[in-house]
Amino acid sequence: MSIFDNPDEYYMQQALREARAAAAEDEVPIGAVIVADDRIIARTHNQTERLHDVTAHAEMLAFTAASEALGAKYLNDCTLYVTVEPCPMCAGAAGWTQVGRIVYGARDPKRGYSTVSDRLLHPKTEVTAGVLEEECAALMKDFFKKKR
């Protein structure tokens, strides 16, 4: 798939690559990329087990990497692509970074930020949900099926 055919699907495929890398490391398979000016500036996946850090979610690591790449703390001209709806912690961090747009794949009806409040995000942040939703959800379901 070319980036020009459907940018959201292209970048979500990149996030899915990260999610698969997480699964291969026995991490919860969530991947994220951050895009600025049609270029990936951060590429991460969950690393809570590896780093022994409950805050090492894909989004949190991506915000740090993107801020470092830009030399700035605000990401208002960036888009976060993440395979699963961000949790309240990650949504709060997204609000503080003022990320311009969030695109996610699968909803998280148990721990997604929307179960708490949409107000966790910056008021100007645009959200697009459901990009490659089935593929993103299947990765999570398969991972947890193997755990049980």
C-alpha atoms as a PDB file:
ATOM      1  CA  MET A   1       0.000   0.000   0.000  1.00  0.00           C
ATOM      2  CA  SER A   2       1.258   3.428  -0.910  1.00  0.00           C
ATOM      3  CA  ILE A   3       1.143   6.210   1.641  1.00  0.00           C
ATOM      4  CA  PHE A   4      -0.777   8.266  -0.913  1.00  0.00           C
ATOM      5  CA  ASP A   5      -3.611   5.735  -1.290  1.00  0.00           C
ATOM      6  CA  ASN A   6      -4.803   6.114   2.303  1.00  0.00           C
ATOM      7  CA  PRO A   7      -2.371   7.787   4.724  1.00  0.00           C
ATOM      8  CA  ASP A   8      -4.319   6.750   7.837  1.00  0.00           C
ATOM      9  CA  GLU A   9      -4.240   3.076   6.847  1.00  0.00           C
ATOM     10  CA  TYR A  10      -0.585   3.281   5.836  1.00  0.00           C
ATOM     11  CA  TYR A  11       0.509   4.753   9.164  1.00  0.00           C
ATOM     12  CA  MET A  12      -1.760   2.385  11.105  1.00  0.00           C
ATOM     13  CA  GLN A  13       0.004  -0.492   9.321  1.00  0.00           C
ATOM     14  CA  GLN A  14       3.250   0.926  10.717  1.00  0.00           C
ATOM     15  CA  ALA A  15       1.713   1.005  14.198  1.00  0.00           C
ATOM     16  CA  LEU A  16       0.569  -2.596  13.708  1.00  0.00           C
ATOM     17  CA  ARG A  17       4.172  -3.573  12.942  1.00  0.00           C
ATOM     18  CA  GLU A  18       5.114  -2.125  16.313  1.00  0.00           C
ATOM     19  CA  ALA A  19       2.243  -3.964  17.992  1.00  0.00           C
ATOM     20  CA  ARG A  20       3.472  -7.255  16.515  1.00  0.00           C
ATOM     21  CA  ALA A  21       6.961  -6.491  17.830  1.00  0.00           C
ATOM     22  CA  ALA A  22       5.421  -5.999  21.281  1.00  0.00           C
ATOM     23  CA  ALA A  23       3.628  -9.357  21.053  1.00  0.00           C
ATOM     24  CA  ALA A  24       6.890 -11.046  20.046  1.00  0.00           C
ATOM     25  CA  GLU A  25       8.406  -9.661  23.264  1.00  0.00           C
ATOM     26  CA  ASP A  26       5.401 -10.902  25.297  1.00  0.00           C
ATOM     27  CA  GLU A  27       4.213  -7.330  25.803  1.00  0.00           C
ATOM     28  CA  VAL A  28       0.582  -6.307  25.364  1.00  0.00           C
ATOM     29  CA  PRO A  29       0.485  -5.778  21.580  1.00  0.00           C
ATOM     30  CA  ILE A  30      -0.068  -2.068  21.235  1.00  0.00           C
ATOM     31  CA  GLY A  31       1.998  -0.065  18.783  1.00  0.00           C
ATOM     32  CA  ALA A  32       2.229   3.632  18.039  1.00  0.00           C
ATOM     33  CA  VAL A  33       3.800   5.970  15.529  1.00  0.00           C
ATOM     34  CA  ILE A  34       3.812   9.750  15.488  1.00  0.00           C
ATOM     35  CA  VAL A  35       3.823  11.558  12.161  1.00  0.00           C
ATOM     36  CA  ALA A  36       4.864  15.137  11.411  1.00  0.00           C
ATOM     37  CA  ASP A  37       5.023  16.585   7.895  1.00  0.00           C
ATOM     38  CA  ASP A  38       4.263  13.175   6.339  1.00  0.00           C
ATOM     39  CA  ARG A  39       7.235  11.603   8.134  1.00  0.00           C
ATOM     40  CA  ILE A  40       7.335   9.154  11.034  1.00  0.00           C
ATOM     41  CA  ILE A  41       9.244  10.844  13.859  1.00  0.00           C
ATOM     42  CA  ALA A  42       8.503   8.260  16.567  1.00  0.00           C
ATOM     43  CA  ARG A  43       7.895   4.519  16.396  1.00  0.00           C
ATOM     44  CA  THR A  44       7.275   2.539  19.594  1.00  0.00           C
ATOM     45  CA  HIS A  45       5.352  -0.253  21.269  1.00  0.00           C
ATOM     46  CA  ASN A  46       4.428  -1.218  24.811  1.00  0.00           C
ATOM     47  CA  GLN A  47       7.483  -1.932  26.952  1.00  0.00           C
ATOM     48  CA  THR A  48       6.018  -2.243  30.439  1.00  0.00           C
ATOM     49  CA  GLU A  49       7.487  -5.709  31.011  1.00  0.00           C
ATOM     50  CA  ARG A  50      10.930  -4.961  29.570  1.00  0.00           C
ATOM     51  CA  LEU A  51      11.315  -1.689  31.467  1.00  0.00           C
ATOM     52  CA  HIS A  52       9.441  -2.826  34.608  1.00  0.00           C
ATOM     53  CA  ASP A  53       7.467   0.390  34.275  1.00  0.00           C
ATOM     54  CA  VAL A  54       3.672   0.505  34.249  1.00  0.00           C
ATOM     55  CA  THR A  55       3.810   3.859  32.445  1.00  0.00           C
ATOM     56  CA  ALA A  56       5.833   2.524  29.476  1.00  0.00           C
ATOM     57  CA  HIS A  57       2.828   2.422  27.173  1.00  0.00           C
ATOM     58  CA  ALA A  58       3.411   2.812  23.432  1.00  0.00           C
ATOM     59  CA  GLU A  59       1.868   6.288  23.407  1.00  0.00           C
ATOM     60  CA  MET A  60       3.928   7.571  26.352  1.00  0.00           C
ATOM     61  CA  LEU A  61       7.172   6.366  24.766  1.00  0.00           C
ATOM     62  CA  ALA A  62       6.101   7.846  21.426  1.00  0.00           C
ATOM     63  CA  PHE A  63       5.425  11.263  22.975  1.00  0.00           C
ATOM     64  CA  THR A  64       8.907  11.300  24.488  1.00  0.00           C
ATOM     65  CA  ALA A  65      10.572  10.206  21.239  1.00  0.00           C
ATOM     66  CA  ALA A  66       8.599  12.714  19.142  1.00  0.00           C
ATOM     67  CA  SER A  67       9.368  15.581  21.501  1.00  0.00           C
ATOM     68  CA  GLU A  68      13.032  14.675  21.335  1.00  0.00           C
ATOM     69  CA  ALA A  69      12.929  14.477  17.522  1.00  0.00           C
ATOM     70  CA  LEU A  70      11.299  17.903  17.283  1.00  0.00           C
ATOM     71  CA  GLY A  71      13.170  19.512  20.145  1.00  0.00           C
ATOM     72  CA  ALA A  72       9.826  20.704  21.512  1.00  0.00           C
ATOM     73  CA  LYS A  73       7.310  19.606  24.110  1.00  0.00           C
ATOM     74  CA  TYR A  74       4.191  20.399  22.075  1.00  0.00           C
ATOM     75  CA  LEU A  75       3.079  18.128  19.252  1.00  0.00           C
ATOM     76  CA  ASN A  76       0.214  20.208  17.861  1.00  0.00           C
ATOM     77  CA  ASP A  77       1.260  19.628  14.243  1.00  0.00           C
ATOM     78  CA  CYS A  78       1.593  15.867  14.742  1.00  0.00           C
ATOM     79  CA  THR A  79      -0.667  12.846  14.454  1.00  0.00           C
ATOM     80  CA  LEU A  80      -0.497   9.903  16.850  1.00  0.00           C
ATOM     81  CA  TYR A  81      -1.432   6.563  15.285  1.00  0.00           C
ATOM     82  CA  VAL A  82      -2.069   3.873  17.884  1.00  0.00           C
ATOM     83  CA  THR A  83      -3.550   0.408  17.463  1.00  0.00           C
ATOM     84  CA  VAL A  84      -5.839   0.612  20.508  1.00  0.00           C
ATOM     85  CA  GLU A  85      -7.778   3.497  22.033  1.00  0.00           C
ATOM     86  CA  PRO A  86      -5.494   5.266  24.523  1.00  0.00           C
ATOM     87  CA  CYS A  87      -6.059   4.701  28.233  1.00  0.00           C
ATOM     88  CA  PRO A  88      -6.832   7.690  30.490  1.00  0.00           C
ATOM     89  CA  MET A  89      -3.121   8.092  31.401  1.00  0.00           C
ATOM     90  CA  CYS A  90      -2.077   8.264  27.743  1.00  0.00           C
ATOM     91  CA  ALA A  91      -5.016  10.499  26.822  1.00  0.00           C
ATOM     92  CA  GLY A  92      -4.018  12.878  29.618  1.00  0.00           C
ATOM     93  CA  ALA A  93      -0.450  12.932  28.321  1.00  0.00           C
ATOM     94  CA  ALA A  94      -1.804  13.526  24.802  1.00  0.00           C
ATOM     95  CA  GLY A  95      -3.678  16.502  26.201  1.00  0.00           C
ATOM     96  CA  TRP A  96      -0.503  17.925  27.720  1.00  0.00           C
ATOM     97  CA  THR A  97       1.426  17.458  24.449  1.00  0.00           C
ATOM     98  CA  GLN A  98      -1.443  19.163  22.596  1.00  0.00           C
ATOM     99  CA  VAL A  99      -1.111  16.527  19.851  1.00  0.00           C
ATOM    100  CA  GLY A 100      -3.101  17.720  16.863  1.00  0.00           C
ATOM    101  CA  ARG A 101      -4.732  14.445  15.942  1.00  0.00           C
ATOM    102  CA  ILE A 102      -5.155  10.932  17.293  1.00  0.00           C
ATOM    103  CA  VAL A 103      -6.009   8.011  15.030  1.00  0.00           C
ATOM    104  CA  TYR A 104      -6.675   4.682  16.701  1.00  0.00           C
ATOM    105  CA  GLY A 105      -7.701   1.239  15.581  1.00  0.00           C
ATOM    106  CA  ALA A 106      -9.653  -0.787  18.134  1.00  0.00           C
ATOM    107  CA  ARG A 107     -11.820   0.655  20.871  1.00  0.00           C
ATOM    108  CA  ASP A 108     -11.046  -0.353  24.446  1.00  0.00           C
ATOM    109  CA  PRO A 109     -14.438  -0.630  26.160  1.00  0.00           C
ATOM    110  CA  LYS A 110     -12.868  -1.511  29.527  1.00  0.00           C
ATOM    111  CA  ARG A 111      -9.918   0.883  29.843  1.00  0.00           C
ATOM    112  CA  GLY A 112     -10.139   3.373  26.995  1.00  0.00           C
ATOM    113  CA  TYR A 113     -10.139   7.074  27.799  1.00  0.00           C
ATOM    114  CA  SER A 114     -13.655   7.493  26.392  1.00  0.00           C
ATOM    115  CA  THR A 115     -14.995   5.424  29.303  1.00  0.00           C
ATOM    116  CA  VAL A 116     -13.816   8.243  31.590  1.00  0.00           C
ATOM    117  CA  SER A 117     -14.029  11.481  29.625  1.00  0.00           C
ATOM    118  CA  ASP A 118     -13.230  12.958  26.237  1.00  0.00           C
ATOM    119  CA  ARG A 119     -12.091  16.037  28.153  1.00  0.00           C
ATOM    120  CA  LEU A 120      -8.743  14.345  28.889  1.00  0.00           C
ATOM    121  CA  LEU A 121      -7.619  15.363  25.399  1.00  0.00           C
ATOM    122  CA  HIS A 122      -6.689  18.883  24.352  1.00  0.00           C
ATOM    123  CA  PRO A 123      -9.803  20.694  23.082  1.00  0.00           C
ATOM    124  CA  LYS A 124      -8.278  21.117  19.599  1.00  0.00           C
ATOM    125  CA  THR A 125      -7.222  17.463  19.212  1.00  0.00           C
ATOM    126  CA  GLU A 126      -9.114  15.699  16.436  1.00  0.00           C
ATOM    127  CA  VAL A 127      -9.859  11.990  16.865  1.00  0.00           C
ATOM    128  CA  THR A 128     -10.431   9.359  14.187  1.00  0.00           C
ATOM    129  CA  ALA A 129     -11.432   5.936  15.489  1.00  0.00           C
ATOM    130  CA  GLY A 130     -11.717   2.539  13.831  1.00  0.00           C
ATOM    131  CA  VAL A 131      -8.859   2.612  11.301  1.00  0.00           C
ATOM    132  CA  LEU A 132      -8.001  -1.047  10.562  1.00  0.00           C
ATOM    133  CA  GLU A 133     -10.106  -1.818  13.624  1.00  0.00           C
ATOM    134  CA  GLU A 134     -10.600  -5.531  12.959  1.00  0.00           C
ATOM    135  CA  GLU A 135      -6.888  -6.192  12.482  1.00  0.00           C
ATOM    136  CA  CYS A 136      -5.981  -4.201  15.598  1.00  0.00           C
ATOM    137  CA  ALA A 137      -8.648  -5.929  17.704  1.00  0.00           C
ATOM    138  CA  ALA A 138      -7.670  -9.389  16.458  1.00  0.00           C
ATOM    139  CA  LEU A 139      -4.079  -8.861  17.563  1.00  0.00           C
ATOM    140  CA  MET A 140      -5.244  -8.069  21.099  1.00  0.00           C
ATOM    141  CA  LYS A 141      -7.751 -10.945  21.223  1.00  0.00           C
ATOM    142  CA  ASP A 142      -5.168 -13.466  20.005  1.00  0.00           C
ATOM    143  CA  PHE A 143      -2.606 -12.257  22.538  1.00  0.00           C
ATOM    144  CA  PHE A 144      -4.960 -12.561  25.501  1.00  0.00           C
ATOM    145  CA  LYS A 145      -6.395 -15.881  24.277  1.00  0.00           C
ATOM    146  CA  LYS A 146      -2.855 -17.326  24.475  1.00  0.00           C
ATOM    147  CA  LYS A 147      -2.440 -15.893  27.981  1.00  0.00           C
ATOM    148  CA  ARG A 148      -5.551 -17.617  29.338  1.00  0.00           C
END
